[in-house]
């Protein structure tokens, strides 16, 4: 309030002179919400009214200031307590708050002169931006999803503080990823403040597919003749069936790549890489054994020729 001016703070808040603290607080909330600058952008009259409401609440919510105001009326400022300049601070940084409720709850704490259930200091003059005194209301939990859910994306419904929260997990999420749900953390009683909820994602391993960066790796069983003669074979990928060409004379353990069939990401898709694993049958048919004996007779290379030279002592 300006030193030379006088306002009937009870009329400013629209309350009786015998109003208790709860009535004062309720009236302030209603009026502050109505005249807040965010609700009335560019309205100078609403902003002036808003500051007047804050000024009235600061005085009437403080028992000492209210007592002097009721006793001395327009001269209450000159009857300040020893060591106080009697001033009322009504300038606020509206942009420093995430929403209206944060702003109002902060003012109730600053001007109310009480300590809430949460343990936040609420005494007069408590600095709003003192982060050292801010209680950490963030929470975290672990959510386990399948490999397929991580690849395709999924939705989960979580129960958070007796509230059911729908969570969208984007496709291509990787093991160890952390998702943030803003404003879904712990609630500070009496102030309306609420922290964020962090989800730590665990992705179950898969029997076939292994993730390496954006690449998907897998061992692919193939036969002796497919490696020797070459083949166009049908393979399964996370997207469904695909065709893979094995060139003639391919050696076991060689890797073949399907481009753009790997893990999804914001940059696109990685590659799918198959490591060829030759599988020999447990039992050969008589016809197969006959053909193998013919191959044995006509084979022209010795697989151990270079090995024998190196192995001699």
Protein backbone atom coordinates (compact mmCIF):
# COMPACT_ATOMS: atom_id res chain seq x y z
CA UNK A 1 0.00 0.00 0.00
CA UNK A 2 1.28 3.48 -0.77
CA UNK A 3 2.27 5.38 2.34
CA UNK A 4 -0.15 8.24 1.62
CA UNK A 5 -3.16 6.11 0.72
CA UNK A 6 -5.78 4.15 2.62
CA UNK A 7 -7.99 1.28 1.57
CA UNK A 8 -10.64 -0.61 3.46
CA UNK A 9 -9.09 -4.02 3.14
CA UNK A 10 -12.23 -5.75 4.38
CA UNK A 11 -14.22 -4.18 1.55
CA UNK A 12 -11.44 -5.02 -0.92
CA UNK A 13 -11.87 -8.71 -0.09
CA UNK A 14 -15.67 -8.40 0.34
CA UNK A 15 -15.72 -9.75 3.90
CA UNK A 16 -17.03 -8.68 7.30
CA UNK A 17 -14.69 -7.06 9.80
CA UNK A 18 -14.99 -10.05 12.14
CA UNK A 19 -13.98 -12.55 9.42
CA UNK A 20 -11.70 -15.36 10.56
CA UNK A 21 -8.54 -16.53 8.80
CA UNK A 22 -10.32 -19.24 6.79
CA UNK A 23 -12.88 -16.73 5.47
CA UNK A 24 -10.08 -14.34 4.51
CA UNK A 25 -8.17 -17.09 2.75
CA UNK A 26 -11.26 -18.28 0.85
CA UNK A 27 -12.15 -14.76 -0.30
CA UNK A 28 -8.59 -14.15 -1.45
CA UNK A 29 -8.53 -17.36 -3.49
CA UNK A 30 -11.76 -16.51 -5.29
CA UNK A 31 -10.78 -12.94 -6.12
CA UNK A 32 -7.18 -13.75 -7.03
CA UNK A 33 -8.36 -16.38 -9.50
CA UNK A 34 -10.80 -13.89 -11.06
CA UNK A 35 -8.31 -11.02 -11.49
CA UNK A 36 -5.06 -12.91 -12.12
CA UNK A 37 -3.13 -11.34 -15.08
CA UNK A 38 -2.97 -14.70 -16.86
CA UNK A 39 -6.76 -14.75 -16.93
CA UNK A 40 -6.92 -11.07 -17.99
CA UNK A 41 -3.97 -10.54 -20.37
CA UNK A 42 -3.32 -6.88 -21.16
CA UNK A 43 -6.00 -5.65 -18.73
CA UNK A 44 -4.30 -3.00 -16.58
CA UNK A 45 -7.40 -2.51 -14.41
CA UNK A 46 -7.53 -6.22 -13.57
CA UNK A 47 -3.81 -6.18 -12.73
CA UNK A 48 -4.27 -3.17 -10.42
CA UNK A 49 -7.21 -4.90 -8.74
CA UNK A 50 -5.14 -8.05 -8.40
CA UNK A 51 -2.36 -6.18 -6.60
CA UNK A 52 -4.94 -4.51 -4.33
CA UNK A 53 -6.31 -7.94 -3.39
CA UNK A 54 -2.81 -9.22 -2.61
CA UNK A 55 -2.13 -6.15 -0.49
CA UNK A 56 -5.33 -6.64 1.49
CA UNK A 57 -4.61 -10.30 2.06
CA UNK A 58 -1.04 -9.67 3.18
CA UNK A 59 -2.25 -7.31 5.90
CA UNK A 60 -5.38 -9.15 7.08
CA UNK A 61 -3.76 -12.60 7.07
CA UNK A 62 -0.98 -11.39 9.40
CA UNK A 63 -2.34 -11.13 12.98
CA UNK A 64 0.10 -8.37 13.96
CA UNK A 65 -0.55 -6.20 10.88
CA UNK A 66 -4.30 -6.77 11.13
CA UNK A 67 -4.27 -5.69 14.78
CA UNK A 68 -2.46 -2.44 13.93
CA UNK A 69 -4.71 -1.87 10.94
CA UNK A 70 -7.88 -2.30 13.03
CA UNK A 71 -6.48 -0.10 15.81
CA UNK A 72 -4.99 2.76 13.79
CA UNK A 73 -6.90 2.62 10.54
CA UNK A 74 -5.26 4.71 7.82
CA UNK A 75 -2.29 5.40 10.13
CA UNK A 76 -1.50 1.73 10.70
CA UNK A 77 1.66 2.04 8.60
CA UNK A 78 3.11 4.64 10.93
CA UNK A 79 2.39 2.32 13.86
CA UNK A 80 4.74 -0.36 12.63
CA UNK A 81 6.40 -2.79 14.98
CA UNK A 82 9.94 -1.88 16.12
CA UNK A 83 12.55 -2.66 13.48
CA UNK A 84 9.97 -2.89 10.68
CA UNK A 85 9.46 -0.34 7.92
CA UNK A 86 5.75 -1.16 7.79
CA UNK A 87 5.74 -1.62 4.05
CA UNK A 88 3.51 -4.04 2.19
CA UNK A 89 5.13 -5.81 -0.76
CA UNK A 90 2.73 -6.24 -3.66
CA UNK A 91 5.04 -6.78 -6.67
CA UNK A 92 5.05 -10.35 -7.96
CA UNK A 93 6.82 -12.23 -10.70
CA UNK A 94 3.80 -13.85 -12.34
CA UNK A 95 5.94 -15.66 -14.92
CA UNK A 96 7.80 -17.57 -12.22
CA UNK A 97 4.88 -19.93 -11.58
CA UNK A 98 3.83 -22.98 -13.57
CA UNK A 99 0.11 -22.26 -13.10
CA UNK A 100 -2.35 -20.18 -11.12
CA UNK A 101 -2.71 -22.65 -8.24
CA UNK A 102 1.06 -22.64 -7.67
CA UNK A 103 0.95 -18.85 -7.43
CA UNK A 104 -1.97 -18.69 -5.00
CA UNK A 105 -0.62 -21.50 -2.82
CA UNK A 106 2.72 -19.73 -2.62
CA UNK A 107 1.08 -16.49 -1.50
CA UNK A 108 -0.92 -18.32 1.15
CA UNK A 109 2.32 -19.72 2.48
CA UNK A 110 4.16 -16.39 2.32
CA UNK A 111 1.51 -14.29 4.02
CA UNK A 112 -0.19 -16.83 6.27
CA UNK A 113 2.52 -16.95 8.97
CA UNK A 114 2.02 -20.68 9.62
CA UNK A 115 3.92 -23.88 9.03
CA UNK A 116 1.92 -26.28 6.90
CA UNK A 117 1.64 -30.02 7.25
CA UNK A 118 4.29 -30.41 4.61
CA UNK A 119 6.92 -28.61 6.67
CA UNK A 120 7.29 -25.64 4.31
CA UNK A 121 8.09 -22.44 6.17
CA UNK A 122 5.10 -20.11 5.74
CA UNK A 123 6.24 -17.12 7.78
CA UNK A 124 6.05 -13.58 6.45
CA UNK A 125 8.90 -12.69 4.12
CA UNK A 126 9.80 -16.28 3.19
CA UNK A 127 11.57 -15.97 -0.20
CA UNK A 128 9.63 -17.81 -2.93
CA UNK A 129 12.66 -18.60 -5.03
CA UNK A 130 14.83 -20.09 -2.28
CA UNK A 131 15.25 -23.53 -3.89
CA UNK A 132 17.18 -24.82 -0.89
CA UNK A 133 13.95 -24.85 1.11
CA UNK A 134 11.87 -26.54 -1.59
CA UNK A 135 10.72 -30.07 -0.75
CA UNK A 136 11.50 -32.64 -3.45
CA UNK A 137 8.09 -34.04 -4.40
CA UNK A 138 9.33 -36.14 -7.31
CA UNK A 139 8.71 -39.88 -7.25
CA UNK A 140 9.93 -42.80 -9.32
CA UNK A 141 8.91 -46.36 -10.03
CA UNK A 142 10.02 -49.25 -12.21
CA UNK A 143 7.89 -50.58 -15.08
CA UNK A 144 8.75 -53.86 -16.83
CA UNK A 145 7.69 -54.37 -20.44
CA UNK A 146 8.26 -57.12 -22.99
CA UNK A 147 10.70 -56.92 -25.88
CA UNK A 148 7.76 -56.71 -28.31
CA UNK A 149 6.17 -53.85 -26.32
CA UNK A 150 9.45 -51.94 -26.42
CA UNK A 151 9.70 -52.49 -30.19
CA UNK A 152 6.09 -51.62 -31.12
CA UNK A 153 5.23 -49.25 -28.25
CA UNK A 154 2.46 -49.82 -25.74
CA UNK A 155 0.23 -48.23 -23.10
CA UNK A 156 0.08 -48.95 -19.40
CA UNK A 157 -2.34 -47.83 -16.69
CA UNK A 158 -0.64 -47.08 -13.38
CA UNK A 159 -2.14 -46.37 -9.97
CA UNK A 160 -0.45 -43.24 -8.59
CA UNK A 161 -1.60 -41.72 -5.28
CA UNK A 162 -5.06 -43.30 -5.72
CA UNK A 163 -5.23 -41.89 -9.27
CA UNK A 164 -5.24 -44.02 -12.42
CA UNK A 165 -2.70 -42.63 -14.88
CA UNK A 166 -2.54 -43.67 -18.53
CA UNK A 167 1.06 -43.89 -19.78
CA UNK A 168 2.04 -44.07 -23.44
CA UNK A 169 5.36 -45.83 -23.98
CA UNK A 170 6.68 -44.88 -27.43
CA UNK A 171 7.91 -47.50 -29.90
CA UNK A 172 11.64 -48.09 -29.99
CA UNK A 173 12.13 -47.41 -26.27
CA UNK A 174 15.40 -48.93 -25.08
CA UNK A 175 16.28 -50.79 -21.88
CA UNK A 176 17.16 -48.38 -19.09
CA UNK A 177 15.14 -45.51 -20.56
CA UNK A 178 13.47 -43.07 -18.17
CA UNK A 179 10.11 -41.43 -18.83
CA UNK A 180 8.87 -38.31 -17.03
CA UNK A 181 5.20 -37.74 -16.20
CA UNK A 182 4.89 -34.08 -15.29
CA UNK A 183 2.74 -33.27 -12.29
CA UNK A 184 2.05 -36.91 -11.37
CA UNK A 185 4.43 -37.23 -8.42
CA UNK A 186 3.89 -36.73 -4.69
CA UNK A 187 1.40 -34.12 -3.50
CA UNK A 188 2.33 -31.60 -0.80
CA UNK A 189 -0.63 -31.41 1.61
CA UNK A 190 -2.14 -27.97 2.05
CA UNK A 191 -0.37 -26.29 -0.88
CA UNK A 192 -1.41 -28.07 -4.05
CA UNK A 193 2.21 -28.46 -5.13
CA UNK A 194 2.96 -31.73 -6.90
CA UNK A 195 6.19 -33.24 -8.20
CA UNK A 196 6.89 -35.32 -11.28
CA UNK A 197 6.79 -39.09 -11.65
CA UNK A 198 9.75 -40.84 -13.29
CA UNK A 199 9.35 -44.30 -14.83
CA UNK A 200 12.45 -46.49 -15.07
CA UNK A 201 11.82 -48.99 -17.87
CA UNK A 202 13.03 -52.58 -17.74
CA UNK A 203 12.80 -54.50 -21.03
CA UNK A 204 12.62 -58.29 -20.86
CA UNK A 205 15.23 -60.12 -22.92
CA UNK A 206 14.17 -62.08 -26.02
CA UNK A 207 15.04 -65.68 -26.87
CA UNK A 208 16.16 -64.77 -30.41
CA UNK A 209 16.68 -61.04 -30.83
CA UNK A 210 19.50 -59.06 -29.24
CA UNK A 211 19.71 -55.26 -29.32
CA UNK A 212 22.99 -53.49 -30.07
CA UNK A 213 22.47 -49.76 -30.52
CA UNK A 214 19.82 -49.54 -33.25
CA UNK A 215 20.80 -52.92 -34.73
CA UNK A 216 18.95 -56.16 -34.09
CA UNK A 217 21.13 -59.26 -33.99
CA UNK A 218 20.14 -62.92 -34.26
CA UNK A 219 21.66 -66.30 -35.07
CA UNK A 220 20.02 -67.89 -38.12
CA UNK A 221 20.10 -71.71 -38.51
CA UNK A 222 21.03 -72.79 -42.06
CA UNK A 223 21.89 -76.09 -43.71
CA UNK A 224 25.10 -77.33 -45.34
CA UNK A 225 23.63 -77.24 -48.86
CA UNK A 226 22.20 -73.71 -48.39
CA UNK A 227 25.68 -72.45 -47.59
CA UNK A 228 27.38 -74.43 -50.36
CA UNK A 229 24.88 -73.91 -53.17
CA UNK A 230 23.29 -70.65 -52.04
CA UNK A 231 19.56 -70.11 -51.42
CA UNK A 232 16.79 -67.56 -51.17
CA UNK A 233 15.15 -68.34 -47.83
CA UNK A 234 12.20 -66.99 -45.84
CA UNK A 235 13.06 -65.56 -42.43
CA UNK A 236 11.02 -64.00 -39.65
CA UNK A 237 11.64 -60.43 -38.51
CA UNK A 238 9.86 -58.38 -35.82
CA UNK A 239 7.75 -56.94 -38.67
CA UNK A 240 6.86 -60.34 -40.15
CA UNK A 241 8.30 -62.48 -42.94
CA UNK A 242 11.12 -61.34 -45.24
CA UNK A 243 13.38 -62.86 -47.92
CA UNK A 244 17.11 -63.36 -47.32
CA UNK A 245 19.57 -64.28 -50.06
CA UNK A 246 22.49 -66.58 -49.12
CA UNK A 247 25.22 -66.41 -51.80
CA UNK A 248 26.79 -69.72 -52.95
CA UNK A 249 29.89 -70.73 -51.02
CA UNK A 250 28.98 -68.73 -47.90
CA UNK A 251 30.94 -69.85 -44.83
CA UNK A 252 29.33 -70.63 -41.46
CA UNK A 253 29.42 -67.67 -39.05
CA UNK A 254 29.19 -65.07 -41.81
CA UNK A 255 26.77 -62.18 -41.17
CA UNK A 256 24.08 -61.10 -43.62
CA UNK A 257 22.21 -57.81 -43.31
CA UNK A 258 18.63 -56.69 -43.95
CA UNK A 259 18.75 -52.89 -44.10
CA UNK A 260 16.05 -50.89 -42.34
CA UNK A 261 14.62 -53.89 -40.50
CA UNK A 262 16.25 -53.20 -37.14
CA UNK A 263 15.21 -51.18 -34.09
CA UNK A 264 12.96 -48.13 -34.63
CA UNK A 265 14.21 -44.72 -33.54
CA UNK A 266 13.56 -41.03 -34.25
CA UNK A 267 16.21 -41.17 -37.00
CA UNK A 268 14.56 -44.16 -38.70
CA UNK A 269 15.24 -47.88 -38.50
CA UNK A 270 18.47 -49.69 -37.83
CA UNK A 271 19.55 -52.88 -39.62
CA UNK A 272 18.75 -56.51 -38.94
CA UNK A 273 21.87 -58.70 -38.89
CA UNK A 274 21.82 -62.50 -39.11
CA UNK A 275 24.83 -64.58 -38.12
CA UNK A 276 24.65 -67.84 -40.11
CA UNK A 277 24.85 -70.95 -37.95
CA UNK A 278 25.21 -74.22 -39.88
CA UNK A 279 23.10 -76.99 -38.40
CA UNK A 280 23.87 -80.64 -39.27
CA UNK A 281 21.11 -83.20 -38.84
CA UNK A 282 21.19 -85.71 -36.02
CA UNK A 283 20.34 -88.49 -38.50
CA UNK A 284 21.05 -88.80 -42.24
CA UNK A 285 18.83 -90.67 -44.65
CA UNK A 286 20.33 -93.48 -46.75
CA UNK A 287 20.01 -91.30 -49.84
CA UNK A 288 21.81 -88.40 -48.17
CA UNK A 289 24.60 -90.69 -47.00
CA UNK A 290 24.95 -92.11 -50.51
CA UNK A 291 25.33 -88.61 -51.98
CA UNK A 292 27.84 -87.66 -49.31
CA UNK A 293 29.95 -90.73 -50.15
CA UNK A 294 29.93 -89.68 -53.80
CA UNK A 295 31.01 -86.18 -52.75
CA UNK A 296 33.77 -87.71 -50.66
CA UNK A 297 35.07 -89.59 -53.67
CA UNK A 298 35.13 -86.59 -56.01
CA UNK A 299 36.16 -83.89 -53.53
CA UNK A 300 39.30 -82.21 -54.88
CA UNK A 301 40.47 -80.06 -51.98
CA UNK A 302 42.08 -81.12 -48.71
CA UNK A 303 40.62 -79.05 -45.84
CA UNK A 304 43.67 -79.77 -43.61
CA UNK A 305 46.46 -79.10 -46.13
CA UNK A 306 47.58 -75.72 -44.73
CA UNK A 307 46.81 -76.83 -41.19
CA UNK A 308 49.18 -79.80 -41.44
CA UNK A 309 52.03 -77.56 -42.58
CA UNK A 310 51.54 -75.20 -39.66
CA UNK A 311 51.05 -77.95 -37.08
CA UNK A 312 54.38 -79.74 -37.73
CA UNK A 313 57.16 -79.20 -35.11
